[in-house]
């Protein structure tokens, strides 16, 4: 898979409510020992943990969805891309940027998410 396909599958997993379909998307995009972190969460390694975390996102923000707002960029096995969390009414709840690392299979090994723009000087 290309980097864009991997990141697209990862983002689609965040929007997928069906557990079987979400699992399939994470199998394509998320490494066996992948780690997810953002300002509010540090998810244990592995697909099952991220799967459960995404299910919690759906419970907490019913109807919200993740919209990727950039292509993925990469160098030396590192990636980054931007996204928005959209509420059911189309309002942007938060914008963010994910930085990550790929594993030897080309899937995501680690994501560190940041919410909002960097702080002003």
PDB file of N, CA and C in Angstrom:
ATOM      1  N   UNK A   1       0.841  -1.187   0.000  1.00  0.00           N
ATOM      2  CA  UNK A   1       0.000   0.000   0.000  1.00  0.00           C
ATOM      3  C   UNK A   1       0.882   1.246   0.000  1.00  0.00           C
ATOM      4  N   UNK A   2       0.378   2.300  -0.622  1.00  0.00           N
ATOM      5  CA  UNK A   2       1.089   3.562  -0.594  1.00  0.00           C
ATOM      6  C   UNK A   2       0.863   4.241   0.758  1.00  0.00           C
ATOM      7  N   UNK A   3       1.686   5.220   1.067  1.00  0.00           N
ATOM      8  CA  UNK A   3       1.507   5.965   2.309  1.00  0.00           C
ATOM      9  C   UNK A   3       0.116   6.590   2.359  1.00  0.00           C
ATOM     10  N   UNK A   4      -0.328   7.145   1.258  1.00  0.00           N
ATOM     11  CA  UNK A   4      -1.648   7.780   1.243  1.00  0.00           C
ATOM     12  C   UNK A   4      -2.750   6.756   1.528  1.00  0.00           C
ATOM     13  N   UNK A   5      -2.623   5.541   1.003  1.00  0.00           N
ATOM     14  CA  UNK A   5      -3.614   4.492   1.265  1.00  0.00           C
ATOM     15  C   UNK A   5      -3.580   4.068   2.739  1.00  0.00           C
ATOM     16  N   UNK A   6      -2.393   3.993   3.307  1.00  0.00           N
ATOM     17  CA  UNK A   6      -2.266   3.614   4.714  1.00  0.00           C
ATOM     18  C   UNK A   6      -2.922   4.665   5.605  1.00  0.00           C
ATOM     19  N   UNK A   7      -2.617   5.934   5.361  1.00  0.00           N
ATOM     20  CA  UNK A   7      -3.181   7.010   6.182  1.00  0.00           C
ATOM     21  C   UNK A   7      -4.689   7.122   5.944  1.00  0.00           C
ATOM     22  N   UNK A   8      -5.125   6.907   4.716  1.00  0.00           N
ATOM     23  CA  UNK A   8      -6.572   6.925   4.441  1.00  0.00           C
ATOM     24  C   UNK A   8      -7.291   5.823   5.200  1.00  0.00           C
ATOM     25  N   UNK A   9      -6.715   4.623   5.238  1.00  0.00           N
ATOM     26  CA  UNK A   9      -7.327   3.514   5.981  1.00  0.00           C
ATOM     27  C   UNK A   9      -7.339   3.818   7.477  1.00  0.00           C
ATOM     28  N   UNK A  10      -6.251   4.387   7.985  1.00  0.00           N
ATOM     29  CA  UNK A  10      -6.182   4.755   9.402  1.00  0.00           C
ATOM     30  C   UNK A  10      -7.271   5.777   9.745  1.00  0.00           C
ATOM     31  N   UNK A  11      -7.397   6.825   8.938  1.00  0.00           N
ATOM     32  CA  UNK A  11      -8.423   7.843   9.197  1.00  0.00           C
ATOM     33  C   UNK A  11      -9.824   7.260   9.050  1.00  0.00           C
ATOM     34  N   UNK A  12     -10.022   6.387   8.072  1.00  0.00           N
ATOM     35  CA  UNK A  12     -11.326   5.748   7.893  1.00  0.00           C
ATOM     36  C   UNK A  12     -11.681   4.893   9.110  1.00  0.00           C
ATOM     37  N   UNK A  13     -10.675   4.289   9.742  1.00  0.00           N
ATOM     38  CA  UNK A  13     -10.935   3.493  10.942  1.00  0.00           C
ATOM     39  C   UNK A  13     -11.539   4.355  12.047  1.00  0.00           C
ATOM     40  N   UNK A  14     -11.102   5.602  12.144  1.00  0.00           N
ATOM     41  CA  UNK A  14     -11.653   6.510  13.163  1.00  0.00           C
ATOM     42  C   UNK A  14     -13.130   6.814  12.903  1.00  0.00           C
ATOM     43  N   UNK A  15     -13.564   6.717  11.652  1.00  0.00           N
ATOM     44  CA  UNK A  15     -14.955   7.023  11.307  1.00  0.00           C
ATOM     45  C   UNK A  15     -15.840   5.783  11.262  1.00  0.00           C
ATOM     46  N   UNK A  16     -15.233   4.616  11.313  1.00  0.00           N
ATOM     47  CA  UNK A  16     -15.981   3.367  11.135  1.00  0.00           C
ATOM     48  C   UNK A  16     -16.636   2.918  12.439  1.00  0.00           C
ATOM     49  N   UNK A  17     -17.952   2.789  12.406  1.00  0.00           N
ATOM     50  CA  UNK A  17     -18.689   2.339  13.589  1.00  0.00           C
ATOM     51  C   UNK A  17     -18.796   0.817  13.642  1.00  0.00           C
ATOM     52  N   UNK A  18     -18.774   0.172  12.483  1.00  0.00           N
ATOM     53  CA  UNK A  18     -18.859  -1.281  12.426  1.00  0.00           C
ATOM     54  C   UNK A  18     -17.521  -1.871  12.877  1.00  0.00           C
ATOM     55  N   UNK A  19     -17.567  -2.712  13.914  1.00  0.00           N
ATOM     56  CA  UNK A  19     -16.339  -3.235  14.516  1.00  0.00           C
ATOM     57  C   UNK A  19     -15.543  -4.122  13.566  1.00  0.00           C
ATOM     58  N   UNK A  20     -16.210  -4.930  12.762  1.00  0.00           N
ATOM     59  CA  UNK A  20     -15.503  -5.806  11.826  1.00  0.00           C
ATOM     60  C   UNK A  20     -14.806  -4.970  10.752  1.00  0.00           C
ATOM     61  N   UNK A  21     -15.506  -3.990  10.220  1.00  0.00           N
ATOM     62  CA  UNK A  21     -14.912  -3.122   9.199  1.00  0.00           C
ATOM     63  C   UNK A  21     -13.766  -2.303   9.788  1.00  0.00           C
ATOM     64  N   UNK A  22     -13.926  -1.824  11.036  1.00  0.00           N
ATOM     65  CA  UNK A  22     -12.850  -1.062  11.687  1.00  0.00           C
ATOM     66  C   UNK A  22     -11.614  -1.940  11.872  1.00  0.00           C
ATOM     67  N   UNK A  23     -11.822  -3.179  12.278  1.00  0.00           N
ATOM     68  CA  UNK A  23     -10.707  -4.109  12.442  1.00  0.00           C
ATOM     69  C   UNK A  23      -9.955  -4.288  11.128  1.00  0.00           C
ATOM     70  N   UNK A  24     -10.681  -4.449  10.038  1.00  0.00           N
ATOM     71  CA  UNK A  24     -10.049  -4.624   8.723  1.00  0.00           C
ATOM     72  C   UNK A  24      -9.223  -3.393   8.339  1.00  0.00           C
ATOM     73  N   UNK A  25      -9.746  -2.213   8.608  1.00  0.00           N
ATOM     74  CA  UNK A  25      -9.011  -0.985   8.299  1.00  0.00           C
ATOM     75  C   UNK A  25      -7.740  -0.873   9.142  1.00  0.00           C
ATOM     76  N   UNK A  26      -7.840  -1.234  10.415  1.00  0.00           N
ATOM     77  CA  UNK A  26      -6.661  -1.173  11.282  1.00  0.00           C
ATOM     78  C   UNK A  26      -5.639  -2.243  10.907  1.00  0.00           C
ATOM     79  N   UNK A  27      -6.076  -3.398  10.449  1.00  0.00           N
ATOM     80  CA  UNK A  27      -5.129  -4.416  10.008  1.00  0.00           C
ATOM     81  C   UNK A  27      -4.315  -3.931   8.812  1.00  0.00           C
ATOM     82  N   UNK A  28      -4.918  -3.115   7.962  1.00  0.00           N
ATOM     83  CA  UNK A  28      -4.210  -2.552   6.810  1.00  0.00           C
ATOM     84  C   UNK A  28      -3.239  -1.448   7.208  1.00  0.00           C
ATOM     85  N   UNK A  29      -3.608  -0.672   8.211  1.00  0.00           N
ATOM     86  CA  UNK A  29      -2.880   0.577   8.473  1.00  0.00           C
ATOM     87  C   UNK A  29      -2.062   0.613   9.752  1.00  0.00           C
ATOM     88  N   UNK A  30      -2.418  -0.180  10.749  1.00  0.00           N
ATOM     89  CA  UNK A  30      -1.836  -0.058  12.094  1.00  0.00           C
ATOM     90  C   UNK A  30      -0.925  -1.242  12.383  1.00  0.00           C
ATOM     91  N   UNK A  31       0.296  -0.965  12.764  1.00  0.00           N
ATOM     92  CA  UNK A  31       1.254  -2.016  13.074  1.00  0.00           C
ATOM     93  C   UNK A  31       0.824  -2.862  14.263  1.00  0.00           C
ATOM     94  N   UNK A  32       1.377  -4.072  14.333  1.00  0.00           N
ATOM     95  CA  UNK A  32       1.011  -5.018  15.391  1.00  0.00           C
ATOM     96  C   UNK A  32       1.183  -4.427  16.790  1.00  0.00           C
ATOM     97  N   UNK A  33       2.210  -3.610  16.980  1.00  0.00           N
ATOM     98  CA  UNK A  33       2.505  -3.024  18.293  1.00  0.00           C
ATOM     99  C   UNK A  33       2.348  -1.511  18.270  1.00  0.00           C
ATOM    100  N   UNK A  34       1.523  -0.984  17.365  1.00  0.00           N
ATOM    101  CA  UNK A  34       1.357   0.454  17.220  1.00  0.00           C
ATOM    102  C   UNK A  34       0.927   1.130  18.515  1.00  0.00           C
ATOM    103  N   UNK A  35       1.426   2.347  18.711  1.00  0.00           N
ATOM    104  CA  UNK A  35       1.133   3.136  19.914  1.00  0.00           C
ATOM    105  C   UNK A  35       0.503   4.456  19.484  1.00  0.00           C
ATOM    106  N   UNK A  36      -0.576   4.839  20.167  1.00  0.00           N
ATOM    107  CA  UNK A  36      -1.281   6.095  19.893  1.00  0.00           C
ATOM    108  C   UNK A  36      -1.231   6.983  21.130  1.00  0.00           C
ATOM    109  N   UNK A  37      -0.884   8.266  20.909  1.00  0.00           N
ATOM    110  CA  UNK A  37      -0.873   9.258  21.992  1.00  0.00           C
ATOM    111  C   UNK A  37      -1.429  10.576  21.468  1.00  0.00           C
ATOM    112  N   UNK A  38      -2.201  11.248  22.306  1.00  0.00           N
ATOM    113  CA  UNK A  38      -2.630  12.617  22.031  1.00  0.00           C
ATOM    114  C   UNK A  38      -2.691  13.349  23.368  1.00  0.00           C
ATOM    115  N   UNK A  39      -3.061  14.623  23.389  1.00  0.00           N
ATOM    116  CA  UNK A  39      -3.037  15.360  24.656  1.00  0.00           C
ATOM    117  C   UNK A  39      -3.929  14.775  25.754  1.00  0.00           C
ATOM    118  N   UNK A  40      -4.909  13.955  25.384  1.00  0.00           N
ATOM    119  CA  UNK A  40      -5.824  13.407  26.382  1.00  0.00           C
ATOM    120  C   UNK A  40      -5.676  11.908  26.591  1.00  0.00           C
ATOM    121  N   UNK A  41      -4.842  11.242  25.790  1.00  0.00           N
ATOM    122  CA  UNK A  41      -4.787   9.783  25.820  1.00  0.00           C
ATOM    123  C   UNK A  41      -3.388   9.252  25.569  1.00  0.00           C
ATOM    124  N   UNK A  42      -3.094   8.144  26.206  1.00  0.00           N
ATOM    125  CA  UNK A  42      -1.918   7.332  25.902  1.00  0.00           C
ATOM    126  C   UNK A  42      -2.423   5.896  25.845  1.00  0.00           C
ATOM    127  N   UNK A  43      -2.634   5.404  24.643  1.00  0.00           N
ATOM    128  CA  UNK A  43      -3.250   4.100  24.432  1.00  0.00           C
ATOM    129  C   UNK A  43      -2.167   3.023  24.467  1.00  0.00           C
ATOM    130  N   UNK A  44      -2.403   1.929  25.165  1.00  0.00           N
ATOM    131  CA  UNK A  44      -1.419   0.837  25.182  1.00  0.00           C
ATOM    132  C   UNK A  44      -1.137   0.324  23.764  1.00  0.00           C
ATOM    133  N   UNK A  45       0.001  -0.328  23.567  1.00  0.00           N
ATOM    134  CA  UNK A  45       0.358  -0.832  22.234  1.00  0.00           C
ATOM    135  C   UNK A  45      -0.637  -1.862  21.705  1.00  0.00           C
ATOM    136  N   UNK A  46      -0.771  -1.874  20.385  1.00  0.00           N
ATOM    137  CA  UNK A  46      -1.539  -2.910  19.704  1.00  0.00           C
ATOM    138  C   UNK A  46      -2.832  -2.430  19.080  1.00  0.00           C
ATOM    139  N   UNK A  47      -3.294  -3.207  18.113  1.00  0.00           N
ATOM    140  CA  UNK A  47      -4.522  -2.882  17.386  1.00  0.00           C
ATOM    141  C   UNK A  47      -5.755  -2.933  18.262  1.00  0.00           C
ATOM    142  N   UNK A  48      -5.830  -3.925  19.132  1.00  0.00           N
ATOM    143  CA  UNK A  48      -7.031  -4.074  19.972  1.00  0.00           C
ATOM    144  C   UNK A  48      -7.222  -2.857  20.865  1.00  0.00           C
ATOM    145  N   UNK A  49      -6.130  -2.326  21.385  1.00  0.00           N
ATOM    146  CA  UNK A  49      -6.225  -1.155  22.261  1.00  0.00           C
ATOM    147  C   UNK A  49      -6.693   0.068  21.481  1.00  0.00           C
ATOM    148  N   UNK A  50      -6.154   0.265  20.265  1.00  0.00           N
ATOM    149  CA  UNK A  50      -6.602   1.406  19.461  1.00  0.00           C
ATOM    150  C   UNK A  50      -8.052   1.207  19.037  1.00  0.00           C
ATOM    151  N   UNK A  51      -8.418  -0.002  18.682  1.00  0.00           N
ATOM    152  CA  UNK A  51      -9.800  -0.317  18.310  1.00  0.00           C
ATOM    153  C   UNK A  51     -10.742   0.092  19.447  1.00  0.00           C
ATOM    154  N   UNK A  52     -10.407  -0.278  20.667  1.00  0.00           N
ATOM    155  CA  UNK A  52     -11.230   0.065  21.831  1.00  0.00           C
ATOM    156  C   UNK A  52     -11.254   1.575  22.064  1.00  0.00           C
ATOM    157  N   UNK A  53     -10.119   2.224  21.862  1.00  0.00           N
ATOM    158  CA  UNK A  53     -10.056   3.677  22.042  1.00  0.00           C
ATOM    159  C   UNK A  53     -10.978   4.388  21.037  1.00  0.00           C
ATOM    160  N   UNK A  54     -10.951   3.923  19.799  1.00  0.00           N
ATOM    161  CA  UNK A  54     -11.823   4.517  18.771  1.00  0.00           C
ATOM    162  C   UNK A  54     -13.296   4.277  19.119  1.00  0.00           C
ATOM    163  N   UNK A  55     -13.614   3.108  19.637  1.00  0.00           N
ATOM    164  CA  UNK A  55     -15.002   2.840  20.072  1.00  0.00           C
ATOM    165  C   UNK A  55     -15.400   3.833  21.167  1.00  0.00           C
ATOM    166  N   UNK A  56     -14.484   4.139  22.066  1.00  0.00           N
ATOM    167  CA  UNK A  56     -14.746   5.135  23.104  1.00  0.00           C
ATOM    168  C   UNK A  56     -14.951   6.525  22.523  1.00  0.00           C
ATOM    169  N   UNK A  57     -14.204   6.855  21.477  1.00  0.00           N
ATOM    170  CA  UNK A  57     -14.394   8.124  20.767  1.00  0.00           C
ATOM    171  C   UNK A  57     -15.820   8.207  20.239  1.00  0.00           C
ATOM    172  N   UNK A  58     -16.317   7.119  19.636  1.00  0.00           N
ATOM    173  CA  UNK A  58     -17.681   7.112  19.093  1.00  0.00           C
ATOM    174  C   UNK A  58     -18.726   7.269  20.195  1.00  0.00           C
ATOM    175  N   UNK A  59     -18.474   6.671  21.357  1.00  0.00           N
ATOM    176  CA  UNK A  59     -19.421   6.828  22.473  1.00  0.00           C
ATOM    177  C   UNK A  59     -19.401   8.269  23.000  1.00  0.00           C
ATOM    178  N   UNK A  60     -18.234   8.856  23.102  1.00  0.00           N
ATOM    179  CA  UNK A  60     -18.097  10.203  23.671  1.00  0.00           C
ATOM    180  C   UNK A  60     -18.558  11.298  22.705  1.00  0.00           C
ATOM    181  N   UNK A  61     -18.366  11.080  21.420  1.00  0.00           N
ATOM    182  CA  UNK A  61     -18.662  12.103  20.408  1.00  0.00           C
ATOM    183  C   UNK A  61     -19.549  11.506  19.323  1.00  0.00           C
ATOM    184  N   UNK A  62     -20.731  11.070  19.706  1.00  0.00           N
ATOM    185  CA  UNK A  62     -21.648  10.413  18.774  1.00  0.00           C
ATOM    186  C   UNK A  62     -21.859  11.268  17.533  1.00  0.00           C
ATOM    187  N   UNK A  63     -21.630  10.656  16.383  1.00  0.00           N
ATOM    188  CA  UNK A  63     -21.844  11.331  15.109  1.00  0.00           C
ATOM    189  C   UNK A  63     -20.675  12.167  14.629  1.00  0.00           C
ATOM    190  N   UNK A  64     -19.648  12.353  15.451  1.00  0.00           N
ATOM    191  CA  UNK A  64     -18.474  13.114  15.019  1.00  0.00           C
ATOM    192  C   UNK A  64     -17.664  12.272  14.047  1.00  0.00           C
ATOM    193  N   UNK A  65     -16.891  12.953  13.219  1.00  0.00           N
ATOM    194  CA  UNK A  65     -16.047  12.224  12.273  1.00  0.00           C
ATOM    195  C   UNK A  65     -14.726  12.947  12.079  1.00  0.00           C
ATOM    196  N   UNK A  66     -13.745  12.200  11.675  1.00  0.00           N
ATOM    197  CA  UNK A  66     -12.423  12.736  11.407  1.00  0.00           C
ATOM    198  C   UNK A  66     -12.290  12.970   9.910  1.00  0.00           C
ATOM    199  N   UNK A  67     -11.875  14.172   9.530  1.00  0.00           N
ATOM    200  CA  UNK A  67     -11.685  14.520   8.128  1.00  0.00           C
ATOM    201  C   UNK A  67     -10.226  14.902   7.936  1.00  0.00           C
ATOM    202  N   UNK A  68      -9.540  14.170   7.087  1.00  0.00           N
ATOM    203  CA  UNK A  68      -8.144  14.511   6.809  1.00  0.00           C
ATOM    204  C   UNK A  68      -8.114  15.765   5.949  1.00  0.00           C
ATOM    205  N   UNK A  69      -7.245  16.713   6.299  1.00  0.00           N
ATOM    206  CA  UNK A  69      -7.185  17.997   5.604  1.00  0.00           C
ATOM    207  C   UNK A  69      -5.879  18.199   4.846  1.00  0.00           C
ATOM    208  N   UNK A  70      -5.031  17.183   4.821  1.00  0.00           N
ATOM    209  CA  UNK A  70      -3.800  17.247   4.031  1.00  0.00           C
ATOM    210  C   UNK A  70      -3.437  15.849   3.576  1.00  0.00           C
ATOM    211  N   UNK A  71      -2.559  15.795   2.617  1.00  0.00           N
ATOM    212  CA  UNK A  71      -1.945  14.519   2.268  1.00  0.00           C
ATOM    213  C   UNK A  71      -0.917  14.213   3.336  1.00  0.00           C
ATOM    214  N   UNK A  72      -0.490  12.986   3.389  1.00  0.00           N
ATOM    215  CA  UNK A  72       0.574  12.601   4.317  1.00  0.00           C
ATOM    216  C   UNK A  72       1.924  12.918   3.684  1.00  0.00           C
ATOM    217  N   UNK A  73       2.828  13.420   4.497  1.00  0.00           N
ATOM    218  CA  UNK A  73       4.195  13.705   4.080  1.00  0.00           C
ATOM    219  C   UNK A  73       5.103  12.749   4.843  1.00  0.00           C
ATOM    220  N   UNK A  74       6.229  12.385   4.250  1.00  0.00           N
ATOM    221  CA  UNK A  74       7.112  11.439   4.931  1.00  0.00           C
ATOM    222  C   UNK A  74       8.575  11.667   4.587  1.00  0.00           C
ATOM    223  N   UNK A  75       9.417  11.273   5.507  1.00  0.00           N
ATOM    224  CA  UNK A  75      10.847  11.105   5.263  1.00  0.00           C
ATOM    225  C   UNK A  75      11.422  10.246   6.378  1.00  0.00           C
ATOM    226  N   UNK A  76      12.385   9.424   6.040  1.00  0.00           N
ATOM    227  CA  UNK A  76      13.085   8.560   6.994  1.00  0.00           C
ATOM    228  C   UNK A  76      12.139   7.750   7.891  1.00  0.00           C
ATOM    229  N   UNK A  77      11.030   7.293   7.307  1.00  0.00           N
ATOM    230  CA  UNK A  77      10.087   6.489   8.072  1.00  0.00           C
ATOM    231  C   UNK A  77       9.181   7.276   8.995  1.00  0.00           C
ATOM    232  N   UNK A  78       9.253   8.602   8.925  1.00  0.00           N
ATOM    233  CA  UNK A  78       8.410   9.476   9.751  1.00  0.00           C
ATOM    234  C   UNK A  78       7.338  10.089   8.860  1.00  0.00           C
ATOM    235  N   UNK A  79       6.151  10.319   9.431  1.00  0.00           N
ATOM    236  CA  UNK A  79       5.033  10.881   8.670  1.00  0.00           C
ATOM    237  C   UNK A  79       4.357  12.002   9.454  1.00  0.00           C
ATOM    238  N   UNK A  80       3.627  12.839   8.737  1.00  0.00           N
ATOM    239  CA  UNK A  80       2.712  13.780   9.387  1.00  0.00           C
ATOM    240  C   UNK A  80       1.602  14.163   8.421  1.00  0.00           C
ATOM    241  N   UNK A  81       0.462  14.518   8.994  1.00  0.00           N
ATOM    242  CA  UNK A  81      -0.697  14.959   8.223  1.00  0.00           C
ATOM    243  C   UNK A  81      -1.614  15.731   9.158  1.00  0.00           C
ATOM    244  N   UNK A  82      -2.555  16.478   8.585  1.00  0.00           N
ATOM    245  CA  UNK A  82      -3.480  17.279   9.381  1.00  0.00           C
ATOM    246  C   UNK A  82      -4.900  16.750   9.213  1.00  0.00           C
ATOM    247  N   UNK A  83      -5.747  17.115  10.177  1.00  0.00           N
ATOM    248  CA  UNK A  83      -7.121  16.622  10.201  1.00  0.00           C
ATOM    249  C   UNK A  83      -8.008  17.604  10.982  1.00  0.00           C
ATOM    250  N   UNK A  84      -9.312  17.397  10.856  1.00  0.00           N
ATOM    251  CA  UNK A  84     -10.310  18.111  11.655  1.00  0.00           C
ATOM    252  C   UNK A  84     -11.296  17.097  12.205  1.00  0.00           C
ATOM    253  N   UNK A  85     -11.767  17.353  13.416  1.00  0.00           N
ATOM    254  CA  UNK A  85     -12.864  16.575  13.967  1.00  0.00           C
ATOM    255  C   UNK A  85     -14.133  17.388  13.737  1.00  0.00           C
ATOM    256  N   UNK A  86     -15.033  16.824  12.930  1.00  0.00           N
ATOM    257  CA  UNK A  86     -16.276  17.500  12.568  1.00  0.00           C
ATOM    258  C   UNK A  86     -17.417  16.940  13.404  1.00  0.00           C
ATOM    259  N   UNK A  87     -18.222  17.837  13.957  1.00  0.00           N
ATOM    260  CA  UNK A  87     -19.426  17.437  14.685  1.00  0.00           C
ATOM    261  C   UNK A  87     -20.534  17.129  13.686  1.00  0.00           C
ATOM    262  N   UNK A  88     -21.601  16.459  14.112  1.00  0.00           N
ATOM    263  CA  UNK A  88     -22.671  16.092  13.173  1.00  0.00           C
ATOM    264  C   UNK A  88     -23.273  17.278  12.419  1.00  0.00           C
ATOM    265  N   UNK A  89     -23.244  18.477  13.019  1.00  0.00           N
ATOM    266  CA  UNK A  89     -23.811  19.651  12.339  1.00  0.00           C
ATOM    267  C   UNK A  89     -22.821  20.318  11.384  1.00  0.00           C
ATOM    268  N   UNK A  90     -21.633  19.732  11.213  1.00  0.00           N
ATOM    269  CA  UNK A  90     -20.629  20.291  10.307  1.00  0.00           C
ATOM    270  C   UNK A  90     -19.658  21.250  10.960  1.00  0.00           C
ATOM    271  N   UNK A  91     -19.851  21.533  12.237  1.00  0.00           N
ATOM    272  CA  UNK A  91     -18.953  22.414  12.969  1.00  0.00           C
ATOM    273  C   UNK A  91     -17.623  21.706  13.207  1.00  0.00           C
ATOM    274  N   UNK A  92     -16.533  22.448  13.053  1.00  0.00           N
ATOM    275  CA  UNK A  92     -15.213  21.897  13.369  1.00  0.00           C
ATOM    276  C   UNK A  92     -15.013  22.004  14.873  1.00  0.00           C
ATOM    277  N   UNK A  93     -14.885  20.860  15.540  1.00  0.00           N
ATOM    278  CA  UNK A  93     -14.693  20.840  16.988  1.00  0.00           C
ATOM    279  C   UNK A  93     -13.235  21.087  17.344  1.00  0.00           C
ATOM    280  N   UNK A  94     -12.344  20.516  16.563  1.00  0.00           N
ATOM    281  CA  UNK A  94     -10.917  20.680  16.819  1.00  0.00           C
ATOM    282  C   UNK A  94     -10.154  20.358  15.535  1.00  0.00           C
ATOM    283  N   UNK A  95      -9.059  21.071  15.335  1.00  0.00           N
ATOM    284  CA  UNK A  95      -8.136  20.761  14.252  1.00  0.00           C
ATOM    285  C   UNK A  95      -6.884  20.178  14.875  1.00  0.00           C
ATOM    286  N   UNK A  96      -6.206  19.345  14.113  1.00  0.00           N
ATOM    287  CA  UNK A  96      -4.995  18.762  14.673  1.00  0.00           C
ATOM    288  C   UNK A  96      -4.006  18.324  13.634  1.00  0.00           C
ATOM    289  N   UNK A  97      -2.877  17.876  14.142  1.00  0.00           N
ATOM    290  CA  UNK A  97      -1.795  17.352  13.313  1.00  0.00           C
ATOM    291  C   UNK A  97      -1.291  16.086  13.983  1.00  0.00           C
ATOM    292  N   UNK A  98      -1.127  15.055  13.189  1.00  0.00           N
ATOM    293  CA  UNK A  98      -0.565  13.804  13.676  1.00  0.00           C
ATOM    294  C   UNK A  98       0.836  13.635  13.106  1.00  0.00           C
ATOM    295  N   UNK A  99       1.744  13.291  13.989  1.00  0.00           N
ATOM    296  CA  UNK A  99       3.100  12.919  13.607  1.00  0.00           C
ATOM    297  C   UNK A  99       3.237  11.441  13.894  1.00  0.00           C
ATOM    298  N   UNK A 100       3.913  10.713  13.035  1.00  0.00           N
ATOM    299  CA  UNK A 100       4.006   9.287  13.249  1.00  0.00           C
ATOM    300  C   UNK A 100       5.268   8.675  12.711  1.00  0.00           C
ATOM    301  N   UNK A 101       5.325   7.379  12.913  1.00  0.00           N
ATOM    302  CA  UNK A 101       6.451   6.576  12.473  1.00  0.00           C
ATOM    303  C   UNK A 101       5.894   5.296  11.878  1.00  0.00           C
ATOM    304  N   UNK A 102       6.541   4.817  10.826  1.00  0.00           N
ATOM    305  CA  UNK A 102       6.121   3.585  10.178  1.00  0.00           C
ATOM    306  C   UNK A 102       6.965   2.421  10.670  1.00  0.00           C
ATOM    307  N   UNK A 103       6.366   1.221  10.674  1.00  0.00           N
ATOM    308  CA  UNK A 103       7.143   0.031  11.040  1.00  0.00           C
ATOM    309  C   UNK A 103       7.759  -0.576   9.779  1.00  0.00           C
ATOM    310  N   UNK A 104       8.409  -1.704   9.914  1.00  0.00           N
ATOM    311  CA  UNK A 104       9.100  -2.320   8.777  1.00  0.00           C
ATOM    312  C   UNK A 104       8.140  -2.855   7.721  1.00  0.00           C
ATOM    313  N   UNK A 105       6.855  -3.015   8.067  1.00  0.00           N
ATOM    314  CA  UNK A 105       5.853  -3.466   7.091  1.00  0.00           C
ATOM    315  C   UNK A 105       5.218  -2.296   6.345  1.00  0.00           C
ATOM    316  N   UNK A 106       5.564  -1.057   6.750  1.00  0.00           N
ATOM    317  CA  UNK A 106       4.979   0.130   6.141  1.00  0.00           C
ATOM    318  C   UNK A 106       3.724   0.607   6.833  1.00  0.00           C
ATOM    319  N   UNK A 107       3.293  -0.115   7.866  1.00  0.00           N
ATOM    320  CA  UNK A 107       2.115   0.326   8.623  1.00  0.00           C
ATOM    321  C   UNK A 107       2.541   1.284   9.730  1.00  0.00           C
ATOM    322  N   UNK A 108       1.574   1.940  10.327  1.00  0.00           N
ATOM    323  CA  UNK A 108       1.857   2.940  11.362  1.00  0.00           C
ATOM    324  C   UNK A 108       2.273   2.243  12.652  1.00  0.00           C
ATOM    325  N   UNK A 109       3.430   2.647  13.168  1.00  0.00           N
ATOM    326  CA  UNK A 109       3.965   2.095  14.415  1.00  0.00           C
ATOM    327  C   UNK A 109       3.705   3.008  15.595  1.00  0.00           C
ATOM    328  N   UNK A 110       3.524   4.303  15.324  1.00  0.00           N
ATOM    329  CA  UNK A 110       3.367   5.265  16.418  1.00  0.00           C
ATOM    330  C   UNK A 110       2.735   6.536  15.856  1.00  0.00           C
ATOM    331  N   UNK A 111       1.740   7.029  16.539  1.00  0.00           N
ATOM    332  CA  UNK A 111       1.133   8.332  16.222  1.00  0.00           C
ATOM    333  C   UNK A 111       1.159   9.172  17.483  1.00  0.00           C
ATOM    334  N   UNK A 112       1.592  10.416  17.308  1.00  0.00           N
ATOM    335  CA  UNK A 112       1.502  11.421  18.365  1.00  0.00           C
ATOM    336  C   UNK A 112       0.671  12.556  17.782  1.00  0.00           C
ATOM    337  N   UNK A 113      -0.505  12.756  18.345  1.00  0.00           N
ATOM    338  CA  UNK A 113      -1.406  13.777  17.856  1.00  0.00           C
ATOM    339  C   UNK A 113      -1.323  15.048  18.674  1.00  0.00           C
ATOM    340  N   UNK A 114      -1.467  16.179  17.995  1.00  0.00           N
ATOM    341  CA  UNK A 114      -1.521  17.485  18.649  1.00  0.00           C
ATOM    342  C   UNK A 114      -2.823  18.157  18.234  1.00  0.00           C
ATOM    343  N   UNK A 115      -3.469  18.820  19.188  1.00  0.00           N
ATOM    344  CA  UNK A 115      -4.722  19.526  18.921  1.00  0.00           C
ATOM    345  C   UNK A 115      -4.445  21.002  18.734  1.00  0.00           C
ATOM    346  N   UNK A 116      -5.046  21.586  17.703  1.00  0.00           N
ATOM    347  CA  UNK A 116      -4.915  23.017  17.470  1.00  0.00           C
ATOM    348  C   UNK A 116      -3.559  23.396  16.901  1.00  0.00           C
ATOM    349  N   UNK A 117      -3.414  24.685  16.590  1.00  0.00           N
ATOM    350  CA  UNK A 117      -2.132  25.148  16.046  1.00  0.00           C
ATOM    351  C   UNK A 117      -1.077  25.228  17.167  1.00  0.00           C
ATOM    352  N   UNK A 118       0.192  25.286  16.789  1.00  0.00           N
ATOM    353  CA  UNK A 118       1.224  25.477  17.797  1.00  0.00           C
ATOM    354  C   UNK A 118       0.983  26.792  18.556  1.00  0.00           C
ATOM    355  N   UNK A 119       1.400  26.863  19.817  1.00  0.00           N
ATOM    356  CA  UNK A 119       1.217  28.088  20.591  1.00  0.00           C
ATOM    357  C   UNK A 119       1.975  29.261  19.958  1.00  0.00           C
ATOM    358  N   UNK A 120       1.390  30.428  20.050  1.00  0.00           N
ATOM    359  CA  UNK A 120       2.047  31.631  19.524  1.00  0.00           C
ATOM    360  C   UNK A 120       3.253  31.991  20.400  1.00  0.00           C
ATOM    361  N   UNK A 121       4.196  32.682  19.799  1.00  0.00           N
ATOM    362  CA  UNK A 121       5.352  33.154  20.561  1.00  0.00           C
ATOM    363  C   UNK A 121       4.957  34.236  21.533  1.00  0.00           C
TER     364      UNK A 121
END
